[in-house]
């Protein structure tokens, strides 16, 4: 079911969440000198007090067994040539690196690992939330995007298109293309209103090269690898955000299209947990 979120409501929720984030960030700095207990407690209280009017989204749920079955058919066939990390083939196929799709500082205190699908309505509603948290974190949060294309061919082609955008313009192009795909998608396997080639051209990429990249399945192994990772982790809803506190390596999973303060609260709990040891 389509989810409508008023821009003013979303911005209000993010504004309140950023207030909590500012306090939480002070806690991060204090953590590094082992005096963060008070600030972390304050962050937890702020997070608990936040009341958001951001629309809650019921995620598209699926079983782990279902994921495994889809994984078997995600690719175009067993005869597909793997070109990830390989040298150019006899047919001139270019080598491709399975790069990490990161938004923000790789040395950030926190990493948000988002398992998402371009054809998932809840993912579409949620997409800007973690990015906005990164933008407001002053370098303390980064985002890594992982593909879980569970809505058939449309999902798979959209994932390839985002990767092929990165092939031309790196992570900046990946996230620009991703934002446009989410904006254009009709969801639930119905594809985008505008052709992927045209979307690429809109953001300054070569549309014909992007189409060629998609048709050659250059990022098949990258997308399949992300999908398998989700299966191995036991991901059961899209989106799912794995929050990692990098100083300790501790993680917590947050399933569904949650409000920004829910992510902040989970981050605060990770800090507190690390100090309790």
Foldseek 3Di string as FASTA:
>chain_A
DADDWDPVLQVVLLVLLLVLLVLVLVLVVVVVVPPNPVSLVVSLVSLVPRDGPTDFDDFDWDALVLLVVCLVVLDPDPVADAQAVHPQDPVRRHHHHLDWQKAADPPAQKEKEKEAFLQINQCLSQVVLLVSSRVSNVRNYMYTYAYAHDLPPQRSLLVLLLVLLCVVVNNVSSVQLSNLSSVQHPHSNPHGPDDSLVSQVVVPHHSVSSVVSSVSCNCVVSNSVSSVVCSVVRPTGPTKIWMARPVVRDIDIDHTRDRNSVVSSVVSVVSVVVSVD
